[in-house]
Amino acid sequence: MKREDIENAAKKEAEELACLVYYGGSAISQEDVENACVNVAEWRIDSVWHGVKEEPNYEEYFLYENAVHAYHVDGIYPSEDEPFAWDDYVKDWGLIRWAYIKDLIPNTEK
């Protein structure tokens, strides 16, 4: 997740607020601003999660949620002797979604 992605999501919400004023002919309420902030925050949280059809990069740790809504951390380190099959892994562990650990850690970049 890059700061630019977050800024783009915020700009999208700001544009929607501007359209509300322009086309609606009214002022922006505090509730409108609060809703825009919540929308960007929800987008940020949801944007780090990947569906199980997308295979993570090997050798990067990820958090996954399984079918019973338990969370686990793992990393995939395939060996030359034993091939790795992502579809089998998803089925065996009941994955429903996953996210890279690095994307869950707050960005302290200013």
Protein backbone atom coordinates (compact mmCIF):
# COMPACT_ATOMS: atom_id res chain seq x y z
CA MET A 1 0.00 0.00 0.00
CA LYS A 2 1.44 3.31 -1.05
CA ARG A 3 0.61 6.72 0.33
CA GLU A 4 -0.40 7.69 -3.21
CA ASP A 5 -3.15 5.03 -3.16
CA ILE A 6 -4.57 6.47 0.05
CA GLU A 7 -4.38 10.03 -1.31
CA ASN A 8 -6.23 8.94 -4.47
CA ALA A 9 -9.01 7.39 -2.38
CA ALA A 10 -9.27 10.59 -0.34
CA LYS A 11 -9.41 12.69 -3.54
CA LYS A 12 -12.24 10.51 -4.84
CA GLU A 13 -14.26 11.14 -1.67
CA ALA A 14 -13.47 14.88 -1.83
CA GLU A 15 -14.70 14.99 -5.44
CA GLU A 16 -17.95 13.32 -4.39
CA LEU A 17 -18.41 15.94 -1.66
CA ALA A 18 -17.72 18.73 -4.16
CA CYS A 19 -20.32 17.27 -6.53
CA LEU A 20 -22.82 17.12 -3.68
CA VAL A 21 -22.40 20.85 -3.13
CA TYR A 22 -22.30 21.78 -6.81
CA TYR A 23 -25.25 19.72 -7.98
CA GLY A 24 -27.18 19.66 -4.73
CA GLY A 25 -26.87 23.40 -4.16
CA SER A 26 -26.34 22.96 -0.44
CA ALA A 27 -23.49 23.13 2.01
CA ILE A 28 -21.54 20.09 3.13
CA SER A 29 -22.66 18.91 6.54
CA GLN A 30 -20.49 17.46 9.27
CA GLU A 31 -22.18 14.13 8.60
CA ASP A 32 -21.08 14.29 4.94
CA VAL A 33 -17.46 14.85 5.98
CA GLU A 34 -17.64 12.08 8.60
CA ASN A 35 -19.07 9.66 6.03
CA ALA A 36 -16.29 10.52 3.59
CA CYS A 37 -13.66 9.84 6.27
CA VAL A 38 -15.28 6.53 7.16
CA ASN A 39 -15.42 5.55 3.48
CA VAL A 40 -11.69 6.19 3.02
CA ALA A 41 -10.85 4.31 6.24
CA GLU A 42 -12.96 1.32 5.17
CA TRP A 43 -11.35 1.38 1.74
CA ARG A 44 -7.89 1.34 3.37
CA ILE A 45 -8.76 -1.63 5.56
CA ASP A 46 -10.39 -3.62 2.76
CA SER A 47 -7.76 -2.81 0.13
CA VAL A 48 -5.02 -4.91 1.74
CA TRP A 49 -7.00 -8.15 1.54
CA HIS A 50 -6.65 -10.50 -1.42
CA GLY A 51 -8.96 -13.26 -2.57
CA VAL A 52 -7.72 -16.84 -2.59
CA LYS A 53 -7.60 -16.93 -6.37
CA GLU A 54 -4.60 -14.60 -6.10
CA GLU A 55 -1.48 -16.41 -4.94
CA PRO A 56 0.89 -14.48 -2.62
CA ASN A 57 4.54 -13.94 -3.44
CA TYR A 58 6.71 -16.68 -2.06
CA GLU A 59 8.96 -15.82 0.86
CA GLU A 60 6.70 -13.02 2.12
CA TYR A 61 4.73 -13.46 5.31
CA PHE A 62 0.98 -13.11 5.12
CA LEU A 63 -2.02 -13.24 7.45
CA TYR A 64 -4.93 -15.38 6.36
CA GLU A 65 -8.48 -15.80 7.53
CA ASN A 66 -9.96 -19.28 7.31
CA ALA A 67 -13.49 -20.63 7.06
CA VAL A 68 -14.03 -20.53 10.84
CA HIS A 69 -12.85 -16.87 10.90
CA ALA A 70 -9.61 -17.68 12.69
CA TYR A 71 -6.48 -15.78 11.67
CA HIS A 72 -3.02 -17.26 11.14
CA VAL A 73 0.35 -16.02 9.90
CA ASP A 74 2.30 -18.04 7.36
CA GLY A 75 4.92 -17.80 4.66
CA ILE A 76 5.47 -20.07 1.68
CA TYR A 77 8.96 -21.41 1.13
CA PRO A 78 8.73 -24.10 -1.55
CA SER A 79 11.56 -26.57 -1.92
CA GLU A 80 12.98 -28.01 -5.10
CA ASP A 81 12.16 -31.51 -3.85
CA GLU A 82 8.52 -30.86 -3.11
CA PRO A 83 6.36 -28.76 -5.45
CA PHE A 84 3.92 -26.33 -3.87
CA ALA A 85 0.28 -26.13 -4.96
CA TRP A 86 -1.53 -22.98 -3.79
CA ASP A 87 -4.98 -24.44 -4.55
CA ASP A 88 -4.27 -27.40 -2.25
CA TYR A 89 -3.03 -25.06 0.48
CA VAL A 90 -6.22 -22.98 0.22
CA LYS A 91 -8.37 -26.10 0.44
CA ASP A 92 -6.38 -27.77 3.25
CA TRP A 93 -6.37 -24.69 5.50
CA GLY A 94 -9.80 -23.34 4.51
CA LEU A 95 -8.54 -19.91 3.43
CA ILE A 96 -11.10 -17.28 2.52
CA ARG A 97 -8.75 -14.27 2.20
CA TRP A 98 -5.21 -13.16 2.94
CA ALA A 99 -3.08 -10.00 3.33
CA TYR A 100 0.65 -9.32 3.36
CA ILE A 101 1.90 -8.55 6.87
CA LYS A 102 3.83 -5.54 5.52
CA ASP A 103 0.54 -4.03 4.28
CA LEU A 104 -1.03 -4.32 7.74
CA ILE A 105 1.75 -2.44 9.50
CA PRO A 106 1.08 1.31 9.75
CA ASN A 107 3.15 3.42 7.40
CA THR A 108 5.13 6.03 9.32
CA GLU A 109 6.18 7.80 6.11
CA LYS A 110 5.22 11.46 6.20
